[in-house]
PDB file of N, CA and C in Angstrom:
ATOM      1  N   MET A   1     233.334 -57.417 -26.461  1.00  0.00           N
ATOM      2  CA  MET A   1     232.387 -57.617 -27.540  1.00  0.00           C
ATOM      3  C   MET A   1     232.884 -56.859 -28.780  1.00  0.00           C
ATOM      4  N   PRO A   2     232.890 -57.520 -29.937  1.00  0.00           N
ATOM      5  CA  PRO A   2     233.381 -56.853 -31.148  1.00  0.00           C
ATOM      6  C   PRO A   2     232.474 -55.690 -31.554  1.00  0.00           C
ATOM      7  N   ASN A   3     233.090 -54.718 -32.214  1.00  0.00           N
ATOM      8  CA  ASN A   3     232.308 -53.562 -32.648  1.00  0.00           C
ATOM      9  C   ASN A   3     231.921 -53.673 -34.115  1.00  0.00           C
ATOM     10  N   HIS A   4     231.811 -54.894 -34.610  1.00  0.00           N
ATOM     11  CA  HIS A   4     231.404 -55.069 -36.002  1.00  0.00           C
ATOM     12  C   HIS A   4     230.555 -56.318 -36.180  1.00  0.00           C
ATOM     13  N   LEU A   5     229.861 -56.346 -37.309  1.00  0.00           N
ATOM     14  CA  LEU A   5     229.105 -57.510 -37.742  1.00  0.00           C
ATOM     15  C   LEU A   5     229.707 -57.988 -39.054  1.00  0.00           C
ATOM     16  N   THR A   6     229.564 -59.255 -39.324  1.00  0.00           N
ATOM     17  CA  THR A   6     229.962 -59.794 -40.613  1.00  0.00           C
ATOM     18  C   THR A   6     228.690 -60.100 -41.387  1.00  0.00           C
ATOM     19  N   GLY A   7     228.689 -59.734 -42.643  1.00  0.00           N
ATOM     20  CA  GLY A   7     227.540 -59.984 -43.501  1.00  0.00           C
ATOM     21  C   GLY A   7     227.985 -60.524 -44.845  1.00  0.00           C
ATOM     22  N   ILE A   8     227.010 -61.005 -45.597  1.00  0.00           N
ATOM     23  CA  ILE A   8     227.261 -61.506 -46.948  1.00  0.00           C
ATOM     24  C   ILE A   8     226.391 -60.709 -47.907  1.00  0.00           C
ATOM     25  N   ILE A   9     227.000 -60.244 -48.992  1.00  0.00           N
ATOM     26  CA  ILE A   9     226.222 -59.535 -50.007  1.00  0.00           C
ATOM     27  C   ILE A   9     225.339 -60.563 -50.690  1.00  0.00           C
ATOM     28  N   ASP A  10     224.032 -60.412 -50.507  1.00  0.00           N
ATOM     29  CA  ASP A  10     223.073 -61.361 -51.050  1.00  0.00           C
ATOM     30  C   ASP A  10     222.663 -60.993 -52.474  1.00  0.00           C
ATOM     31  N   ARG A  11     222.347 -59.701 -52.678  1.00  0.00           N
ATOM     32  CA  ARG A  11     221.867 -59.265 -53.991  1.00  0.00           C
ATOM     33  C   ARG A  11     221.793 -57.745 -54.022  1.00  0.00           C
ATOM     34  N   SER A  12     221.503 -57.217 -55.205  1.00  0.00           N
ATOM     35  CA  SER A  12     221.270 -55.786 -55.380  1.00  0.00           C
ATOM     36  C   SER A  12     219.822 -55.573 -55.779  1.00  0.00           C
ATOM     37  N   GLU A  13     219.236 -54.506 -55.252  1.00  0.00           N
ATOM     38  CA  GLU A  13     217.872 -54.106 -55.622  1.00  0.00           C
ATOM     39  C   GLU A  13     217.863 -52.591 -55.743  1.00  0.00           C
ATOM     40  N   GLY A  14     217.698 -52.093 -56.951  1.00  0.00           N
ATOM     41  CA  GLY A  14     217.645 -50.654 -57.150  1.00  0.00           C
ATOM     42  C   GLY A  14     218.911 -49.979 -56.663  1.00  0.00           C
ATOM     43  N   ASP A  15     218.762 -49.029 -55.751  1.00  0.00           N
ATOM     44  CA  ASP A  15     219.891 -48.266 -55.219  1.00  0.00           C
ATOM     45  C   ASP A  15     220.528 -48.912 -53.996  1.00  0.00           C
ATOM     46  N   PHE A  16     220.142 -50.154 -53.680  1.00  0.00           N
ATOM     47  CA  PHE A  16     220.614 -50.807 -52.469  1.00  0.00           C
ATOM     48  C   PHE A  16     221.292 -52.139 -52.745  1.00  0.00           C
ATOM     49  N   VAL A  17     222.233 -52.472 -51.855  1.00  0.00           N
ATOM     50  CA  VAL A  17     222.823 -53.800 -51.787  1.00  0.00           C
ATOM     51  C   VAL A  17     222.233 -54.442 -50.543  1.00  0.00           C
ATOM     52  N   ILE A  18     221.725 -55.649 -50.673  1.00  0.00           N
ATOM     53  CA  ILE A  18     221.111 -56.324 -49.538  1.00  0.00           C
ATOM     54  C   ILE A  18     222.145 -57.257 -48.926  1.00  0.00           C
ATOM     55  N   LEU A  19     222.410 -57.021 -47.634  1.00  0.00           N
ATOM     56  CA  LEU A  19     223.363 -57.818 -46.887  1.00  0.00           C
ATOM     57  C   LEU A  19     222.599 -58.760 -45.964  1.00  0.00           C
ATOM     58  N   LYS A  20     223.014 -60.001 -45.917  1.00  0.00           N
ATOM     59  CA  LYS A  20     222.467 -60.954 -44.953  1.00  0.00           C
ATOM     60  C   LYS A  20     223.383 -60.930 -43.736  1.00  0.00           C
ATOM     61  N   ILE A  21     222.777 -60.669 -42.569  1.00  0.00           N
ATOM     62  CA  ILE A  21     223.553 -60.664 -41.332  1.00  0.00           C
ATOM     63  C   ILE A  21     222.981 -61.717 -40.400  1.00  0.00           C
ATOM     64  N   SER A  22     223.535 -61.842 -39.206  1.00  0.00           N
ATOM     65  CA  SER A  22     223.137 -62.903 -38.282  1.00  0.00           C
ATOM     66  C   SER A  22     221.633 -62.925 -38.059  1.00  0.00           C
ATOM     67  N   GLY A  23     221.122 -64.107 -37.797  1.00  0.00           N
ATOM     68  CA  GLY A  23     219.698 -64.265 -37.561  1.00  0.00           C
ATOM     69  C   GLY A  23     218.892 -64.153 -38.840  1.00  0.00           C
ATOM     70  N   ASP A  24     219.534 -64.316 -39.990  1.00  0.00           N
ATOM     71  CA  ASP A  24     218.892 -64.233 -41.300  1.00  0.00           C
ATOM     72  C   ASP A  24     218.220 -62.875 -41.529  1.00  0.00           C
ATOM     73  N   GLN A  25     218.747 -61.835 -40.888  1.00  0.00           N
ATOM     74  CA  GLN A  25     218.238 -60.478 -41.093  1.00  0.00           C
ATOM     75  C   GLN A  25     218.835 -59.905 -42.366  1.00  0.00           C
ATOM     76  N   GLU A  26     218.097 -58.982 -42.986  1.00  0.00           N
ATOM     77  CA  GLU A  26     218.576 -58.297 -44.176  1.00  0.00           C
ATOM     78  C   GLU A  26     218.822 -56.839 -43.851  1.00  0.00           C
ATOM     79  N   LEU A  27     219.947 -56.336 -44.322  1.00  0.00           N
ATOM     80  CA  LEU A  27     220.308 -54.941 -44.135  1.00  0.00           C
ATOM     81  C   LEU A  27     220.422 -54.311 -45.516  1.00  0.00           C
ATOM     82  N   TYR A  28     219.633 -53.267 -45.762  1.00  0.00           N
ATOM     83  CA  TYR A  28     219.658 -52.563 -47.044  1.00  0.00           C
ATOM     84  C   TYR A  28     220.670 -51.436 -46.956  1.00  0.00           C
ATOM     85  N   TRP A  29     221.764 -51.560 -47.709  1.00  0.00           N
ATOM     86  CA  TRP A  29     222.849 -50.598 -47.654  1.00  0.00           C
ATOM     87  C   TRP A  29     222.880 -49.814 -48.967  1.00  0.00           C
ATOM     88  N   PRO A  30     222.883 -48.480 -48.891  1.00  0.00           N
ATOM     89  CA  PRO A  30     222.901 -47.679 -50.125  1.00  0.00           C
ATOM     90  C   PRO A  30     224.168 -47.946 -50.953  1.00  0.00           C
ATOM     91  N   LYS A  31     223.984 -48.243 -52.237  1.00  0.00           N
ATOM     92  CA  LYS A  31     225.126 -48.507 -53.115  1.00  0.00           C
ATOM     93  C   LYS A  31     226.070 -47.317 -53.170  1.00  0.00           C
ATOM     94  N   LYS A  32     225.522 -46.104 -53.126  1.00  0.00           N
ATOM     95  CA  LYS A  32     226.354 -44.914 -53.278  1.00  0.00           C
ATOM     96  C   LYS A  32     227.355 -44.741 -52.136  1.00  0.00           C
ATOM     97  N   SER A  33     227.154 -45.449 -51.034  1.00  0.00           N
ATOM     98  CA  SER A  33     228.089 -45.329 -49.912  1.00  0.00           C
ATOM     99  C   SER A  33     229.122 -46.453 -49.878  1.00  0.00           C
ATOM    100  N   ILE A  34     229.153 -47.275 -50.918  1.00  0.00           N
ATOM    101  CA  ILE A  34     230.135 -48.358 -51.010  1.00  0.00           C
ATOM    102  C   ILE A  34     231.226 -47.914 -51.969  1.00  0.00           C
ATOM    103  N   ASP A  35     232.453 -47.856 -51.472  1.00  0.00           N
ATOM    104  CA  ASP A  35     233.549 -47.336 -52.289  1.00  0.00           C
ATOM    105  C   ASP A  35     234.532 -48.426 -52.743  1.00  0.00           C
ATOM    106  N   PHE A  36     234.036 -49.650 -52.921  1.00  0.00           N
ATOM    107  CA  PHE A  36     234.874 -50.739 -53.410  1.00  0.00           C
ATOM    108  C   PHE A  36     234.037 -51.615 -54.330  1.00  0.00           C
ATOM    109  N   SER A  37     234.698 -52.389 -55.180  1.00  0.00           N
ATOM    110  CA  SER A  37     233.955 -53.284 -56.064  1.00  0.00           C
ATOM    111  C   SER A  37     233.500 -54.499 -55.250  1.00  0.00           C
ATOM    112  N   TYR A  38     232.362 -55.036 -55.605  1.00  0.00           N
ATOM    113  CA  TYR A  38     231.773 -56.143 -54.853  1.00  0.00           C
ATOM    114  C   TYR A  38     230.956 -57.019 -55.784  1.00  0.00           C
ATOM    115  N   ALA A  39     230.648 -58.214 -55.302  1.00  0.00           N
ATOM    116  CA  ALA A  39     229.820 -59.150 -56.043  1.00  0.00           C
ATOM    117  C   ALA A  39     228.961 -59.925 -55.056  1.00  0.00           C
ATOM    118  N   ASP A  40     227.855 -60.466 -55.556  1.00  0.00           N
ATOM    119  CA  ASP A  40     227.014 -61.314 -54.713  1.00  0.00           C
ATOM    120  C   ASP A  40     227.868 -62.435 -54.123  1.00  0.00           C
ATOM    121  N   GLY A  41     227.684 -62.688 -52.842  1.00  0.00           N
ATOM    122  CA  GLY A  41     228.436 -63.739 -52.164  1.00  0.00           C
ATOM    123  C   GLY A  41     229.658 -63.243 -51.422  1.00  0.00           C
ATOM    124  N   ASP A  42     230.076 -61.986 -51.675  1.00  0.00           N
ATOM    125  CA  ASP A  42     231.226 -61.429 -50.955  1.00  0.00           C
ATOM    126  C   ASP A  42     230.892 -61.253 -49.481  1.00  0.00           C
ATOM    127  N   THR A  43     231.871 -61.513 -48.627  1.00  0.00           N
ATOM    128  CA  THR A  43     231.730 -61.287 -47.188  1.00  0.00           C
ATOM    129  C   THR A  43     232.251 -59.893 -46.869  1.00  0.00           C
ATOM    130  N   VAL A  44     231.492 -59.163 -46.049  1.00  0.00           N
ATOM    131  CA  VAL A  44     231.882 -57.800 -45.659  1.00  0.00           C
ATOM    132  C   VAL A  44     231.790 -57.654 -44.146  1.00  0.00           C
ATOM    133  N   ASN A  45     232.538 -56.701 -43.624  1.00  0.00           N
ATOM    134  CA  ASN A  45     232.470 -56.352 -42.208  1.00  0.00           C
ATOM    135  C   ASN A  45     231.757 -55.010 -42.088  1.00  0.00           C
ATOM    136  N   ILE A  46     230.852 -54.914 -41.141  1.00  0.00           N
ATOM    137  CA  ILE A  46     230.074 -53.699 -40.918  1.00  0.00           C
ATOM    138  C   ILE A  46     230.449 -53.177 -39.541  1.00  0.00           C
ATOM    139  N   TYR A  47     231.000 -51.963 -39.507  1.00  0.00           N
ATOM    140  CA  TYR A  47     231.466 -51.368 -38.258  1.00  0.00           C
ATOM    141  C   TYR A  47     230.515 -50.274 -37.794  1.00  0.00           C
ATOM    142  N   LEU A  48     230.372 -50.174 -36.497  1.00  0.00           N
ATOM    143  CA  LEU A  48     229.567 -49.132 -35.889  1.00  0.00           C
ATOM    144  C   LEU A  48     230.455 -48.354 -34.942  1.00  0.00           C
ATOM    145  N   THR A  49     230.605 -47.071 -35.225  1.00  0.00           N
ATOM    146  CA  THR A  49     231.406 -46.211 -34.363  1.00  0.00           C
ATOM    147  C   THR A  49     230.652 -44.912 -34.118  1.00  0.00           C
ATOM    148  N   LYS A  50     230.993 -44.267 -33.052  1.00  0.00           N
ATOM    149  CA  LYS A  50     230.368 -42.997 -32.716  1.00  0.00           C
ATOM    150  C   LYS A  50     231.216 -41.866 -33.280  1.00  0.00           C
ATOM    151  N   ASP A  51     230.566 -40.900 -33.891  1.00  0.00           N
ATOM    152  CA  ASP A  51     231.262 -39.735 -34.424  1.00  0.00           C
ATOM    153  C   ASP A  51     231.300 -38.682 -33.335  1.00  0.00           C
ATOM    154  N   GLU A  52     232.397 -38.634 -32.615  1.00  0.00           N
ATOM    155  CA  GLU A  52     232.526 -37.715 -31.488  1.00  0.00           C
ATOM    156  C   GLU A  52     232.520 -36.251 -31.923  1.00  0.00           C
ATOM    157  N   ALA A  53     232.954 -35.974 -33.152  1.00  0.00           N
ATOM    158  CA  ALA A  53     233.050 -34.595 -33.622  1.00  0.00           C
ATOM    159  C   ALA A  53     231.715 -34.043 -34.121  1.00  0.00           C
ATOM    160  N   ALA A  54     230.782 -34.916 -34.448  1.00  0.00           N
ATOM    161  CA  ALA A  54     229.498 -34.461 -34.997  1.00  0.00           C
ATOM    162  C   ALA A  54     228.597 -33.950 -33.877  1.00  0.00           C
ATOM    163  N   PRO A  55     227.798 -32.940 -34.192  1.00  0.00           N
ATOM    164  CA  PRO A  55     226.850 -32.459 -33.180  1.00  0.00           C
ATOM    165  C   PRO A  55     225.786 -33.518 -32.902  1.00  0.00           C
ATOM    166  N   ALA A  56     225.200 -33.452 -31.735  1.00  0.00           N
ATOM    167  CA  ALA A  56     224.138 -34.398 -31.378  1.00  0.00           C
ATOM    168  C   ALA A  56     222.966 -34.230 -32.336  1.00  0.00           C
ATOM    169  N   GLU A  57     222.447 -35.335 -32.825  1.00  0.00           N
ATOM    170  CA  GLU A  57     221.318 -35.318 -33.755  1.00  0.00           C
ATOM    171  C   GLU A  57     220.030 -35.522 -32.966  1.00  0.00           C
ATOM    172  N   SER A  58     218.969 -35.039 -33.531  1.00  0.00           N
ATOM    173  CA  SER A  58     217.679 -35.245 -32.878  1.00  0.00           C
ATOM    174  C   SER A  58     217.268 -36.704 -33.026  1.00  0.00           C
ATOM    175  N   GLY A  59     216.385 -37.149 -32.182  1.00  0.00           N
ATOM    176  CA  GLY A  59     215.876 -38.514 -32.263  1.00  0.00           C
ATOM    177  C   GLY A  59     215.200 -38.789 -33.586  1.00  0.00           C
ATOM    178  N   ASP A  60     214.541 -37.772 -34.155  1.00  0.00           N
ATOM    179  CA  ASP A  60     213.867 -37.947 -35.437  1.00  0.00           C
ATOM    180  C   ASP A  60     214.866 -38.224 -36.551  1.00  0.00           C
ATOM    181  N   GLU A  61     215.982 -37.536 -36.553  1.00  0.00           N
ATOM    182  CA  GLU A  61     216.998 -37.741 -37.578  1.00  0.00           C
ATOM    183  C   GLU A  61     217.560 -39.154 -37.495  1.00  0.00           C
ATOM    184  N   ALA A  62     217.834 -39.619 -36.291  1.00  0.00           N
ATOM    185  CA  ALA A  62     218.346 -40.976 -36.114  1.00  0.00           C
ATOM    186  C   ALA A  62     217.332 -41.999 -36.610  1.00  0.00           C
ATOM    187  N   LYS A  63     216.064 -41.791 -36.316  1.00  0.00           N
ATOM    188  CA  LYS A  63     215.021 -42.706 -36.787  1.00  0.00           C
ATOM    189  C   LYS A  63     214.952 -42.712 -38.309  1.00  0.00           C
ATOM    190  N   ASN A  64     215.097 -41.563 -38.926  1.00  0.00           N
ATOM    191  CA  ASN A  64     215.058 -41.486 -40.389  1.00  0.00           C
ATOM    192  C   ASN A  64     216.221 -42.240 -41.016  1.00  0.00           C
ATOM    193  N   ILE A  65     217.390 -42.138 -40.421  1.00  0.00           N
ATOM    194  CA  ILE A  65     218.556 -42.856 -40.934  1.00  0.00           C
ATOM    195  C   ILE A  65     218.329 -44.363 -40.822  1.00  0.00           C
ATOM    196  N   LEU A  66     217.881 -44.824 -39.677  1.00  0.00           N
ATOM    197  CA  LEU A  66     217.620 -46.259 -39.502  1.00  0.00           C
ATOM    198  C   LEU A  66     216.533 -46.741 -40.444  1.00  0.00           C
ATOM    199  N   ARG A  67     215.502 -45.949 -40.636  1.00  0.00           N
ATOM    200  CA  ARG A  67     214.418 -46.318 -41.557  1.00  0.00           C
ATOM    201  C   ARG A  67     214.964 -46.468 -42.961  1.00  0.00           C
ATOM    202  N   GLN A  68     215.876 -45.599 -43.385  1.00  0.00           N
ATOM    203  CA  GLN A  68     216.462 -45.669 -44.713  1.00  0.00           C
ATOM    204  C   GLN A  68     217.279 -46.943 -44.884  1.00  0.00           C
ATOM    205  N   ILE A  69     218.033 -47.308 -43.858  1.00  0.00           N
ATOM    206  CA  ILE A  69     218.887 -48.497 -43.951  1.00  0.00           C
ATOM    207  C   ILE A  69     218.056 -49.775 -43.961  1.00  0.00           C
ATOM    208  N   PHE A  70     217.061 -49.871 -43.086  1.00  0.00           N
ATOM    209  CA  PHE A  70     216.320 -51.131 -42.939  1.00  0.00           C
ATOM    210  C   PHE A  70     215.078 -51.240 -43.804  1.00  0.00           C
ATOM    211  N   GLN A  71     214.622 -50.140 -44.413  1.00  0.00           N
ATOM    212  CA  GLN A  71     213.449 -50.194 -45.269  1.00  0.00           C
ATOM    213  C   GLN A  71     213.775 -49.520 -46.597  1.00  0.00           C
ATOM    214  N   PRO A  72     213.942 -50.305 -47.648  1.00  0.00           N
ATOM    215  CA  PRO A  72     214.408 -49.752 -48.910  1.00  0.00           C
ATOM    216  C   PRO A  72     213.415 -48.836 -49.610  1.00  0.00           C
ATOM    217  N   ASN A  73     212.177 -48.824 -49.221  1.00  0.00           N
ATOM    218  CA  ASN A  73     211.166 -48.022 -49.911  1.00  0.00           C
ATOM    219  C   ASN A  73     210.991 -46.640 -49.335  1.00  0.00           C
ATOM    220  N   VAL A  74     211.950 -46.165 -48.535  1.00  0.00           N
ATOM    221  CA  VAL A  74     211.860 -44.846 -47.906  1.00  0.00           C
ATOM    222  C   VAL A  74     212.461 -43.816 -48.803  1.00  0.00           C
TER     223      VAL A  74
END
């Protein structure tokens, strides 16, 4: 199973770029964490990897991170 998703940059809203991913889901990605130029309609790959060097985070911290990504009003 691949360790990435493919998405399309749909639009920008405030501090976020909205990516359309499979199942017509929207992923709100912070603009400040994108280090390349982009435009609406660009295809991007989204990778998920585990940071083995980082200390274990609490469940609350993980929930806060996910809430920030999937809910732009946080």
